[in-house]
N, C-alpha and C. Protein backbone atom coordinates (compact mmCIF):
# COMPACT_ATOMS: atom_id res chain seq x y z
N MET A 1 -9.65 105.72 -34.62
CA MET A 1 -10.02 105.09 -36.09
C MET A 1 -10.17 103.62 -35.25
N ALA A 2 -11.45 102.85 -35.80
CA ALA A 2 -11.64 101.91 -34.99
C ALA A 2 -10.84 100.91 -35.94
N GLN A 3 -10.60 100.03 -35.21
CA GLN A 3 -9.62 98.81 -35.99
C GLN A 3 -10.48 97.98 -36.66
N ARG A 4 -10.14 97.22 -38.20
CA ARG A 4 -10.95 96.49 -39.10
C ARG A 4 -10.37 95.18 -38.63
N ASN A 5 -11.62 94.08 -38.83
CA ASN A 5 -11.47 92.86 -38.92
C ASN A 5 -11.59 92.64 -40.36
N VAL A 6 -10.53 91.92 -40.83
CA VAL A 6 -10.64 91.32 -42.21
C VAL A 6 -10.63 90.25 -42.40
N SER A 7 -11.25 89.43 -43.00
CA SER A 7 -11.31 87.77 -43.50
C SER A 7 -11.91 87.31 -44.62
N VAL A 8 -11.05 86.41 -45.28
CA VAL A 8 -10.90 86.37 -46.88
C VAL A 8 -10.99 85.20 -47.11
N GLU A 9 -12.62 84.87 -47.43
CA GLU A 9 -12.60 83.33 -47.33
C GLU A 9 -12.23 82.42 -48.55
N ILE A 10 -11.33 80.91 -48.70
CA ILE A 10 -11.41 80.37 -49.76
C ILE A 10 -12.38 79.60 -49.33
N PRO A 11 -13.13 79.16 -50.44
CA PRO A 11 -14.65 78.43 -50.62
C PRO A 11 -13.95 76.79 -50.98
N ILE A 12 -13.25 76.01 -50.08
CA ILE A 12 -12.78 75.02 -49.96
C ILE A 12 -13.51 73.83 -50.02
N GLY A 13 -14.79 74.17 -49.45
CA GLY A 13 -15.97 73.26 -49.59
C GLY A 13 -16.89 72.74 -50.36
N SER A 14 -16.29 73.86 -51.58
CA SER A 14 -17.25 74.08 -52.70
C SER A 14 -16.40 73.74 -53.90
N PRO A 15 -16.30 72.79 -54.50
CA PRO A 15 -15.34 72.29 -55.52
C PRO A 15 -15.60 73.28 -56.90
N ASP A 16 -16.82 73.58 -57.07
CA ASP A 16 -17.43 74.64 -58.17
C ASP A 16 -17.02 76.07 -58.11
N ASP A 17 -17.05 76.59 -56.55
CA ASP A 17 -16.66 77.78 -56.29
C ASP A 17 -15.09 77.96 -56.06
N MET A 18 -14.60 77.07 -55.75
CA MET A 18 -13.25 77.01 -55.90
C MET A 18 -12.65 77.06 -57.38
N GLU A 19 -13.14 76.92 -58.20
CA GLU A 19 -13.13 76.96 -59.76
C GLU A 19 -13.45 77.93 -60.45
N THR A 20 -14.16 78.65 -59.80
CA THR A 20 -14.77 80.07 -60.17
C THR A 20 -13.98 80.84 -59.57
N LEU A 21 -13.28 80.93 -58.33
CA LEU A 21 -12.09 81.78 -57.93
C LEU A 21 -10.89 81.60 -58.48
N THR A 22 -10.48 80.23 -58.97
CA THR A 22 -9.00 80.22 -59.48
C THR A 22 -9.18 80.73 -60.80
N ASP A 23 -10.16 80.67 -61.79
CA ASP A 23 -10.86 81.31 -62.83
C ASP A 23 -10.14 82.88 -62.56
N ALA A 24 -10.93 83.54 -61.96
CA ALA A 24 -11.11 84.95 -61.64
C ALA A 24 -9.81 85.23 -61.28
N VAL A 25 -8.79 84.72 -60.74
CA VAL A 25 -7.49 84.92 -60.00
C VAL A 25 -6.50 84.91 -61.63
N LEU A 26 -6.56 83.69 -61.96
CA LEU A 26 -6.35 83.74 -63.17
C LEU A 26 -6.58 84.48 -64.38
N LEU A 27 -7.48 84.88 -64.58
CA LEU A 27 -7.86 86.23 -65.54
C LEU A 27 -7.36 87.64 -65.16
N ARG A 28 -7.75 87.60 -63.54
CA ARG A 28 -7.31 88.81 -62.94
C ARG A 28 -5.50 89.18 -63.30
N HIS A 29 -4.80 87.84 -62.63
CA HIS A 29 -3.23 87.94 -63.00
C HIS A 29 -2.54 88.06 -64.49
N THR A 30 -3.65 87.50 -65.62
CA THR A 30 -3.31 88.06 -66.54
C THR A 30 -3.28 89.13 -67.82
N ASP A 31 -4.37 89.37 -66.86
CA ASP A 31 -4.55 90.98 -67.40
C ASP A 31 -3.69 91.93 -66.77
N LEU A 32 -3.19 91.98 -65.55
CA LEU A 32 -2.34 92.85 -64.98
C LEU A 32 -0.77 92.50 -65.57
N GLY A 33 -0.68 91.29 -66.10
CA GLY A 33 0.36 91.18 -66.53
C GLY A 33 1.74 91.11 -65.83
N ALA A 34 2.70 91.87 -66.88
CA ALA A 34 4.30 91.70 -65.21
C ALA A 34 4.11 93.10 -64.22
N GLY A 35 2.49 93.72 -64.26
CA GLY A 35 2.36 94.37 -63.30
C GLY A 35 1.92 93.40 -62.04
N SER A 36 1.14 92.71 -62.37
CA SER A 36 0.63 91.74 -61.37
C SER A 36 1.69 91.42 -60.20
N PRO A 37 1.27 91.71 -58.95
CA PRO A 37 1.59 91.95 -57.43
C PRO A 37 1.85 90.21 -57.27
N LEU A 38 1.38 89.03 -58.01
CA LEU A 38 1.84 87.95 -57.88
C LEU A 38 3.04 87.25 -58.64
N THR A 39 3.48 88.09 -59.75
CA THR A 39 4.57 87.72 -60.12
C THR A 39 6.02 87.65 -59.64
N GLY A 40 6.62 86.27 -60.07
CA GLY A 40 7.63 86.15 -59.17
C GLY A 40 7.12 85.74 -57.53
N GLU A 41 6.21 85.94 -56.88
CA GLU A 41 6.28 85.30 -55.70
C GLU A 41 4.80 84.31 -55.59
N VAL A 42 4.28 83.84 -56.78
CA VAL A 42 3.40 82.60 -56.79
C VAL A 42 3.83 82.17 -58.09
N ASP A 43 3.70 80.69 -57.92
CA ASP A 43 4.09 80.18 -59.31
C ASP A 43 2.88 80.25 -60.09
N MET A 44 2.24 80.91 -60.71
CA MET A 44 1.25 80.90 -61.62
C MET A 44 1.04 79.97 -62.77
N VAL A 45 2.36 79.55 -62.88
CA VAL A 45 1.98 78.88 -63.86
C VAL A 45 1.70 76.94 -63.51
N LEU A 46 2.26 76.99 -62.45
CA LEU A 46 2.05 75.61 -61.73
C LEU A 46 0.48 75.95 -61.01
N LEU A 47 -0.23 76.82 -61.17
CA LEU A 47 -1.53 77.41 -59.88
C LEU A 47 -2.51 76.94 -61.57
N ALA A 48 -1.63 77.82 -62.89
CA ALA A 48 -2.63 77.03 -64.11
C ALA A 48 -2.50 75.74 -64.20
N SER A 49 -1.41 75.46 -64.32
CA SER A 49 -1.52 74.17 -64.39
C SER A 49 -2.34 73.06 -63.67
N ARG A 50 -2.15 72.82 -62.29
CA ARG A 50 -3.30 72.36 -61.48
C ARG A 50 -4.95 72.49 -61.37
N HIS A 51 -4.92 73.51 -62.07
CA HIS A 51 -6.25 74.11 -61.99
C HIS A 51 -6.89 73.58 -63.42
N ASN A 52 -5.93 73.61 -64.49
CA ASN A 52 -6.42 72.84 -65.55
C ASN A 52 -6.79 71.18 -65.30
N THR A 53 -5.94 70.85 -64.37
CA THR A 53 -6.05 69.56 -64.72
C THR A 53 -7.60 69.40 -63.67
N THR A 54 -7.38 70.20 -62.31
CA THR A 54 -8.84 69.98 -61.48
C THR A 54 -9.48 70.25 -62.55
N VAL A 55 -10.15 71.46 -63.29
CA VAL A 55 -11.22 70.95 -63.93
C VAL A 55 -11.36 70.11 -65.22
N THR A 56 -10.34 69.28 -65.83
CA THR A 56 -10.87 68.14 -66.48
C THR A 56 -10.89 66.57 -65.74
N LYS A 57 -10.29 66.60 -64.84
CA LYS A 57 -10.59 65.56 -64.13
C LYS A 57 -11.95 65.63 -63.85
N ARG A 58 -12.36 66.54 -62.74
CA ARG A 58 -13.80 67.00 -62.42
C ARG A 58 -14.59 67.22 -63.10
N ALA A 59 -14.35 67.21 -64.84
CA ALA A 59 -15.41 66.84 -65.83
C ALA A 59 -15.71 65.42 -66.46
N GLU A 60 -14.61 64.90 -66.36
CA GLU A 60 -14.45 63.54 -66.50
C GLU A 60 -15.31 62.78 -65.74
N SER A 61 -14.63 63.18 -64.65
CA SER A 61 -15.13 62.27 -63.29
C SER A 61 -17.13 62.72 -63.69
N ASN A 62 -17.47 63.32 -63.38
CA ASN A 62 -18.96 64.12 -63.57
C ASN A 62 -19.51 63.36 -64.97
N THR A 63 -19.14 63.19 -65.89
CA THR A 63 -19.10 62.04 -66.85
C THR A 63 -19.55 60.52 -66.86
N MET A 64 -18.28 60.23 -65.92
CA MET A 64 -18.33 59.02 -65.22
C MET A 64 -19.64 58.69 -64.53
N GLN A 65 -19.63 59.87 -63.68
CA GLN A 65 -20.75 59.31 -62.15
C GLN A 65 -21.92 59.35 -62.95
N GLY A 66 -22.70 60.12 -64.21
CA GLY A 66 -23.63 60.30 -64.66
C GLY A 66 -23.66 58.62 -65.49
N THR A 67 -22.32 58.17 -65.95
CA THR A 67 -22.44 57.03 -66.71
C THR A 67 -22.90 55.96 -65.95
N SER A 68 -22.05 55.99 -64.60
CA SER A 68 -21.92 55.18 -63.63
C SER A 68 -23.58 55.13 -62.66
N GLU A 69 -23.77 56.01 -62.40
CA GLU A 69 -25.50 56.30 -62.08
C GLU A 69 -26.33 55.50 -63.22
N ALA A 70 -26.17 55.51 -64.35
CA ALA A 70 -27.14 55.08 -65.54
C ALA A 70 -26.85 53.69 -65.15
N GLU A 71 -25.42 52.77 -64.93
CA GLU A 71 -25.14 51.96 -64.92
C GLU A 71 -25.47 50.68 -64.09
N MET A 72 -25.78 51.77 -62.46
CA MET A 72 -26.36 51.13 -61.37
C MET A 72 -27.54 50.92 -61.79
N LEU A 73 -28.26 52.22 -61.84
CA LEU A 73 -29.98 51.89 -62.64
C LEU A 73 -30.26 50.42 -62.80
N GLU A 74 -29.43 50.50 -64.09
CA GLU A 74 -29.54 48.99 -65.17
C GLU A 74 -29.01 47.94 -64.31
N ALA A 75 -28.60 48.10 -63.45
CA ALA A 75 -28.17 46.65 -62.86
C ALA A 75 -29.15 46.30 -61.48
N ASN A 76 -29.58 47.49 -60.76
CA ASN A 76 -30.60 47.56 -59.94
C ASN A 76 -31.65 46.88 -60.55
N THR A 77 -31.96 47.58 -62.58
CA THR A 77 -33.24 46.77 -62.46
C THR A 77 -33.18 45.59 -62.92
N ALA A 78 -31.88 44.65 -63.22
CA ALA A 78 -31.62 43.59 -63.94
C ALA A 78 -32.16 42.54 -62.49
N MET A 79 -31.77 43.41 -61.38
CA MET A 79 -31.62 42.53 -60.09
C MET A 79 -33.41 42.96 -59.64
N GLY A 80 -33.86 43.43 -59.87
CA GLY A 80 -35.27 43.56 -59.32
C GLY A 80 -35.11 44.61 -58.25
N THR A 81 -34.48 45.22 -57.92
CA THR A 81 -34.32 46.58 -56.90
C THR A 81 -34.51 47.83 -56.78
N ALA A 82 -34.75 48.17 -58.88
CA ALA A 82 -35.04 49.44 -58.73
C ALA A 82 -36.25 49.98 -58.10
N PRO A 83 -36.26 51.30 -58.40
CA PRO A 83 -37.66 51.77 -57.58
C PRO A 83 -39.27 51.09 -58.73
N GLY A 84 -39.87 50.65 -57.82
CA GLY A 84 -41.52 50.14 -58.34
C GLY A 84 -40.90 48.77 -59.07
N GLN A 85 -39.91 48.53 -58.50
CA GLN A 85 -39.79 46.58 -58.74
C GLN A 85 -40.22 46.14 -57.40
N ASN A 86 -40.60 44.75 -57.59
CA ASN A 86 -40.23 43.90 -56.48
C ASN A 86 -40.45 42.44 -56.66
N MET A 87 -40.60 41.34 -56.24
CA MET A 87 -40.76 40.11 -56.52
C MET A 87 -40.98 39.75 -57.35
N ASP A 88 -42.26 40.39 -57.68
CA ASP A 88 -43.23 39.98 -59.19
C ASP A 88 -42.78 40.31 -59.76
N THR A 89 -41.37 41.19 -60.03
CA THR A 89 -41.27 42.00 -61.44
C THR A 89 -40.62 40.35 -62.07
N ALA A 90 -41.35 40.20 -63.38
CA ALA A 90 -40.99 38.93 -63.80
C ALA A 90 -39.59 39.41 -64.90
N GLY A 91 -38.62 38.31 -64.51
CA GLY A 91 -37.14 38.19 -65.11
C GLY A 91 -36.42 38.88 -64.61
N THR A 92 -36.31 39.25 -63.52
CA THR A 92 -35.63 39.61 -62.61
C THR A 92 -34.83 38.56 -61.83
N VAL A 93 -33.61 39.22 -61.09
CA VAL A 93 -32.47 38.10 -60.31
C VAL A 93 -33.86 37.84 -59.37
N TYR A 94 -34.29 38.94 -58.72
CA TYR A 94 -35.41 38.50 -57.04
C TYR A 94 -36.42 37.58 -57.61
N HIS A 95 -37.20 38.18 -58.97
CA HIS A 95 -38.09 36.84 -59.25
C HIS A 95 -37.88 35.31 -59.67
N LEU A 96 -36.70 35.28 -60.23
CA LEU A 96 -36.40 34.02 -60.13
C LEU A 96 -35.82 33.46 -59.16
N THR A 97 -35.18 33.91 -58.24
CA THR A 97 -34.45 33.23 -57.05
C THR A 97 -35.52 33.23 -56.22
N GLY A 98 -36.88 33.62 -56.32
CA GLY A 98 -37.87 33.50 -55.43
C GLY A 98 -38.25 32.01 -56.09
N LEU A 99 -38.60 32.09 -57.66
CA LEU A 99 -38.98 31.11 -58.09
C LEU A 99 -38.12 30.01 -57.42
N VAL A 100 -36.99 29.83 -57.63
CA VAL A 100 -35.59 28.81 -57.31
C VAL A 100 -36.25 28.31 -56.12
N ARG A 101 -36.12 28.75 -54.76
CA ARG A 101 -36.61 29.13 -53.52
C ARG A 101 -37.58 28.45 -53.34
N ASP A 102 -39.07 28.52 -53.89
CA ASP A 102 -39.85 28.11 -53.99
C ASP A 102 -39.99 26.56 -54.66
N ARG A 103 -39.40 26.49 -55.46
CA ARG A 103 -39.05 24.82 -55.90
C ARG A 103 -38.75 24.15 -54.93
N LEU A 104 -37.54 24.91 -54.66
CA LEU A 104 -36.62 23.60 -53.61
C LEU A 104 -37.56 23.43 -52.58
N LEU A 105 -37.97 24.34 -51.87
CA LEU A 105 -38.98 24.05 -50.90
C LEU A 105 -40.05 23.23 -51.24
N PHE A 106 -40.50 23.04 -52.63
CA PHE A 106 -41.31 21.95 -52.93
C PHE A 106 -40.84 20.46 -52.59
N VAL A 107 -39.66 20.73 -53.53
CA VAL A 107 -39.12 19.41 -53.49
C VAL A 107 -38.69 19.02 -52.01
N HIS A 108 -37.96 19.74 -51.29
CA HIS A 108 -37.26 19.53 -50.21
C HIS A 108 -38.26 19.67 -48.84
N ASP A 109 -39.71 19.38 -49.48
CA ASP A 109 -40.74 19.62 -48.01
C ASP A 109 -40.09 18.77 -46.87
N GLY A 110 -39.92 19.21 -45.88
CA GLY A 110 -39.80 18.41 -44.50
C GLY A 110 -38.21 18.62 -44.15
N SER A 111 -37.21 18.80 -45.25
CA SER A 111 -36.10 18.51 -45.07
C SER A 111 -35.27 20.27 -45.38
N GLU A 112 -36.23 21.15 -45.33
CA GLU A 112 -35.68 22.36 -46.03
C GLU A 112 -33.84 22.79 -45.70
N GLU A 113 -33.24 22.41 -44.82
CA GLU A 113 -32.15 22.37 -44.29
C GLU A 113 -31.24 22.26 -45.64
N GLU A 114 -31.72 21.44 -46.54
CA GLU A 114 -31.35 21.14 -47.69
C GLU A 114 -31.02 22.61 -48.79
N LEU A 115 -31.48 23.20 -48.62
CA LEU A 115 -31.82 24.76 -49.13
C LEU A 115 -30.32 25.10 -48.53
N GLU A 116 -29.70 25.63 -47.71
CA GLU A 116 -28.45 26.21 -47.49
C GLU A 116 -27.05 25.51 -48.56
N LYS A 117 -27.49 24.32 -48.71
CA LYS A 117 -26.36 23.92 -49.92
C LYS A 117 -26.48 24.80 -51.33
N TYR A 118 -27.66 25.30 -51.32
CA TYR A 118 -27.84 26.08 -52.69
C TYR A 118 -27.65 27.40 -52.51
N GLY A 119 -26.88 27.91 -51.05
CA GLY A 119 -26.76 29.49 -50.55
C GLY A 119 -27.76 30.34 -49.78
N PHE A 120 -28.91 29.51 -49.54
CA PHE A 120 -29.99 30.34 -48.76
C PHE A 120 -30.20 30.34 -47.16
N ASN A 121 -30.06 31.50 -46.62
CA ASN A 121 -30.08 31.14 -45.23
C ASN A 121 -31.43 30.84 -44.59
N VAL A 122 -31.14 29.55 -44.27
CA VAL A 122 -32.46 28.67 -43.58
C VAL A 122 -32.24 28.69 -42.19
N VAL A 123 -33.53 29.45 -41.46
CA VAL A 123 -34.17 29.36 -40.16
C VAL A 123 -35.23 28.85 -39.98
N ILE A 124 -35.07 28.05 -39.10
CA ILE A 124 -36.14 27.14 -38.65
C ILE A 124 -36.33 26.91 -37.34
N GLY A 125 -37.61 27.54 -36.48
CA GLY A 125 -37.70 27.77 -35.26
C GLY A 125 -39.04 26.36 -34.92
N ASN A 126 -38.92 26.31 -33.56
CA ASN A 126 -39.94 25.86 -33.30
C ASN A 126 -41.36 26.58 -32.47
N VAL A 127 -42.11 26.59 -33.18
CA VAL A 127 -43.37 27.30 -32.39
C VAL A 127 -44.39 26.34 -31.57
N LEU A 128 -44.50 26.66 -30.49
CA LEU A 128 -45.53 25.67 -29.98
C LEU A 128 -46.80 26.65 -30.10
N GLU A 129 -47.98 25.92 -30.54
CA GLU A 129 -49.08 26.33 -30.40
C GLU A 129 -49.82 26.15 -29.14
N PRO A 130 -50.90 26.52 -28.50
CA PRO A 130 -51.24 26.26 -27.21
C PRO A 130 -52.01 24.94 -27.04
N ARG A 131 -52.48 24.52 -27.88
CA ARG A 131 -52.74 23.38 -28.33
C ARG A 131 -51.83 22.03 -28.05
N TRP A 132 -50.88 22.23 -28.58
CA TRP A 132 -49.98 21.37 -28.29
C TRP A 132 -49.33 21.39 -26.83
N MET A 133 -49.27 22.68 -26.36
CA MET A 133 -48.62 22.72 -25.25
C MET A 133 -49.26 22.38 -24.03
N GLY A 134 -50.85 22.01 -24.45
CA GLY A 134 -51.32 21.58 -23.26
C GLY A 134 -51.64 19.98 -23.64
N ARG A 135 -51.49 19.28 -24.75
CA ARG A 135 -51.30 18.30 -24.82
C ARG A 135 -49.94 17.73 -23.90
N GLY A 136 -49.14 18.26 -24.24
CA GLY A 136 -47.95 17.99 -23.68
C GLY A 136 -47.91 17.91 -21.88
N LEU A 137 -48.66 19.00 -21.47
CA LEU A 137 -48.95 19.00 -20.21
C LEU A 137 -49.93 18.13 -19.12
N ASN A 138 -50.62 17.76 -20.62
CA ASN A 138 -51.85 17.22 -20.16
C ASN A 138 -52.51 17.42 -19.65
N LEU A 139 -53.18 18.70 -20.56
CA LEU A 139 -54.20 19.71 -19.52
C LEU A 139 -54.81 19.83 -21.08
N SER A 140 -56.54 20.07 -20.57
CA SER A 140 -56.91 20.16 -21.55
C SER A 140 -57.32 21.84 -21.73
N PRO A 141 -57.46 22.02 -22.97
CA PRO A 141 -57.80 23.04 -23.53
C PRO A 141 -58.72 23.97 -22.63
N LEU A 142 -59.62 23.81 -22.22
CA LEU A 142 -60.56 24.11 -21.30
C LEU A 142 -59.50 25.13 -19.85
N VAL A 143 -58.57 23.90 -19.24
CA VAL A 143 -57.91 24.50 -18.49
C VAL A 143 -57.01 25.69 -18.03
N VAL A 144 -56.55 25.38 -20.11
CA VAL A 144 -55.17 26.34 -20.05
C VAL A 144 -56.34 27.52 -20.47
N PHE A 145 -57.45 27.70 -21.27
CA PHE A 145 -58.58 29.07 -21.07
C PHE A 145 -58.81 29.80 -19.90
N LEU A 146 -59.06 28.70 -18.83
CA LEU A 146 -59.78 29.31 -17.99
C LEU A 146 -58.66 29.84 -16.74
N SER A 147 -57.24 29.22 -17.44
CA SER A 147 -56.34 30.11 -16.51
C SER A 147 -55.49 31.56 -16.99
N LEU A 148 -55.70 31.40 -17.78
CA LEU A 148 -55.55 32.58 -18.76
C LEU A 148 -56.30 33.63 -18.43
N VAL A 149 -57.66 33.37 -18.66
CA VAL A 149 -59.09 34.30 -18.27
C VAL A 149 -58.78 35.09 -16.76
N THR A 150 -58.35 33.91 -16.03
CA THR A 150 -58.48 34.34 -14.35
C THR A 150 -56.78 34.91 -14.65
N ALA A 151 -55.81 34.48 -14.76
CA ALA A 151 -54.49 35.47 -14.91
C ALA A 151 -54.62 36.81 -15.29
N ILE A 152 -55.41 37.13 -16.67
CA ILE A 152 -55.65 38.56 -17.16
C ILE A 152 -56.53 39.14 -16.29
N THR A 153 -57.50 38.86 -16.12
CA THR A 153 -58.38 39.14 -14.88
C THR A 153 -57.69 40.03 -13.30
N LEU A 154 -57.18 39.12 -13.25
CA LEU A 154 -56.17 39.31 -12.06
C LEU A 154 -55.56 40.27 -12.27
N LEU A 155 -54.83 40.46 -13.38
CA LEU A 155 -53.78 40.95 -14.11
C LEU A 155 -54.21 43.00 -14.00
N SER A 156 -55.49 42.49 -14.32
CA SER A 156 -56.59 43.69 -14.78
C SER A 156 -56.85 44.90 -13.43
N THR A 157 -57.03 43.77 -12.23
CA THR A 157 -57.02 44.50 -11.01
C THR A 157 -56.66 44.84 -10.36
N GLY A 158 -55.02 45.03 -10.51
CA GLY A 158 -53.95 45.49 -9.91
C GLY A 158 -53.85 44.96 -8.63
N ASN A 159 -54.66 44.30 -7.88
CA ASN A 159 -54.51 43.91 -6.35
C ASN A 159 -53.19 42.87 -6.12
N ALA A 160 -52.41 43.58 -5.73
CA ALA A 160 -50.93 43.18 -5.48
C ALA A 160 -51.25 41.51 -4.94
N ASP A 161 -51.49 41.49 -3.56
CA ASP A 161 -51.80 40.22 -2.75
C ASP A 161 -52.71 39.19 -3.66
N LEU A 162 -53.58 39.54 -4.01
CA LEU A 162 -54.78 38.67 -4.75
C LEU A 162 -54.15 38.07 -6.25
N LEU A 163 -52.95 38.96 -6.71
CA LEU A 163 -52.28 38.61 -7.72
C LEU A 163 -51.01 37.40 -6.97
N ALA A 164 -50.55 37.90 -6.44
CA ALA A 164 -49.05 36.84 -5.69
C ALA A 164 -49.70 35.30 -5.59
N PHE A 165 -51.13 35.31 -4.68
CA PHE A 165 -51.83 34.32 -4.43
C PHE A 165 -52.38 33.19 -5.32
N SER A 166 -52.74 34.28 -6.72
CA SER A 166 -53.31 33.38 -7.79
C SER A 166 -52.16 32.74 -8.89
N TRP A 167 -51.08 33.57 -9.08
CA TRP A 167 -50.00 32.88 -9.43
C TRP A 167 -49.45 31.57 -8.71
N GLU A 168 -49.50 31.98 -7.59
CA GLU A 168 -49.24 30.91 -6.27
C GLU A 168 -50.07 29.29 -6.71
N ALA A 169 -51.34 30.31 -6.69
CA ALA A 169 -52.15 28.63 -6.72
C ALA A 169 -52.14 28.63 -8.21
N ILE A 170 -52.24 28.95 -9.62
CA ILE A 170 -51.89 28.34 -10.90
C ILE A 170 -50.47 27.18 -10.79
N ILE A 171 -49.34 27.76 -10.46
CA ILE A 171 -48.38 27.25 -10.66
C ILE A 171 -48.10 25.41 -9.06
N VAL A 172 -49.51 25.56 -8.29
CA VAL A 172 -49.78 24.22 -7.58
C VAL A 172 -50.79 23.94 -8.77
N LEU A 173 -51.86 23.79 -9.23
CA LEU A 173 -52.55 23.72 -10.04
C LEU A 173 -51.80 22.68 -11.29
N LEU A 174 -50.76 23.83 -11.63
CA LEU A 174 -50.25 23.33 -13.30
C LEU A 174 -49.45 21.87 -12.47
N ALA A 175 -48.68 21.78 -10.89
CA ALA A 175 -47.89 21.35 -10.50
C ALA A 175 -48.61 19.87 -10.36
N SER A 176 -49.95 20.36 -9.63
CA SER A 176 -50.67 18.51 -9.47
C SER A 176 -51.10 18.02 -11.02
N LEU A 177 -51.18 18.82 -11.68
CA LEU A 177 -52.17 17.96 -13.18
C LEU A 177 -51.03 17.71 -13.64
N THR A 178 -49.93 17.98 -13.91
CA THR A 178 -48.95 17.79 -14.95
C THR A 178 -47.69 17.16 -14.39
N THR A 179 -46.58 17.31 -15.52
CA THR A 179 -45.43 16.36 -15.16
C THR A 179 -44.79 16.48 -14.00
N PRO A 180 -43.70 15.85 -13.64
CA PRO A 180 -42.24 16.26 -12.72
C PRO A 180 -41.74 17.58 -12.70
N ALA A 181 -41.54 17.71 -14.26
CA ALA A 181 -40.90 19.21 -14.23
C ALA A 181 -41.59 20.12 -13.67
N ILE A 182 -42.89 20.50 -13.58
CA ILE A 182 -43.85 21.37 -12.84
C ILE A 182 -43.73 21.06 -11.41
N GLY A 183 -43.56 20.01 -10.98
CA GLY A 183 -43.64 19.86 -9.40
C GLY A 183 -42.08 20.19 -9.00
N VAL A 184 -41.13 19.99 -9.54
CA VAL A 184 -39.76 21.49 -9.16
C VAL A 184 -39.85 22.63 -9.40
N MET A 185 -40.78 23.34 -10.17
CA MET A 185 -41.32 24.61 -10.56
C MET A 185 -41.68 25.17 -9.02
N LYS A 186 -42.95 24.06 -8.55
CA LYS A 186 -43.67 23.94 -7.65
C LYS A 186 -42.79 24.24 -6.06
N ALA A 187 -41.69 22.94 -5.90
CA ALA A 187 -40.69 23.38 -5.22
C ALA A 187 -39.79 24.60 -5.18
N CYS A 188 -39.45 24.92 -6.15
CA CYS A 188 -38.73 25.96 -6.60
C CYS A 188 -39.69 27.41 -5.81
N VAL A 189 -40.55 27.59 -6.15
CA VAL A 189 -41.62 29.09 -6.32
C VAL A 189 -42.08 29.06 -5.08
N TRP A 190 -42.86 28.00 -4.95
CA TRP A 190 -44.03 27.79 -3.50
C TRP A 190 -43.09 27.99 -2.51
N PRO A 191 -43.67 28.92 -1.42
CA PRO A 191 -42.53 29.01 -0.32
C PRO A 191 -42.60 27.98 0.67
N ALA A 192 -41.33 27.53 1.32
CA ALA A 192 -41.22 26.01 1.73
C ALA A 192 -42.36 25.93 2.93
N SER A 193 -42.76 27.17 3.72
CA SER A 193 -43.90 27.22 4.50
C SER A 193 -44.98 27.03 4.27
N LYS A 194 -45.55 26.93 2.60
CA LYS A 194 -47.00 26.29 2.12
C LYS A 194 -46.80 25.19 2.12
N LEU A 195 -45.68 24.26 1.87
CA LEU A 195 -45.58 23.39 1.44
C LEU A 195 -46.43 22.04 2.16
């Protein structure tokens, strides 16, 4: 005779299934009365009490969860972050805060750091435009443009020797045309044998 492997699962991962199982156990115990094999072995009064607490509290929790979700939707709608809303949704915190930000940017034009006093996170960066870079290095826009075209052309050919020479040539050209700082770059990058 073959040996049987028996496994009886308790569905602890599913509260609904646990409630159903406990209901069935309590019903069967009650139906069997004094003849139940659980009588005197398991505290069935405590099980019934704890089960009632579970059912009641879970029902209350589900009701509160529904209320809570409705209240959260109401809060998100007022904030302007509910589905379908954006900064243009009038009367929302998001919309009104955008108006505050825009007004303060107008009032504090040139001193945007002042918005930090209102709690805004202000990020100020410096962006160098190629035109300003050319002026700062005393280069004409034509020289900058031709240098970029040459570099792109050489990069696209894939000739490593030509590419290395062209970068050296560009550095020397820039060094001869511009500020002493580029001259320092020339001394650092250009091989000493070629100086």
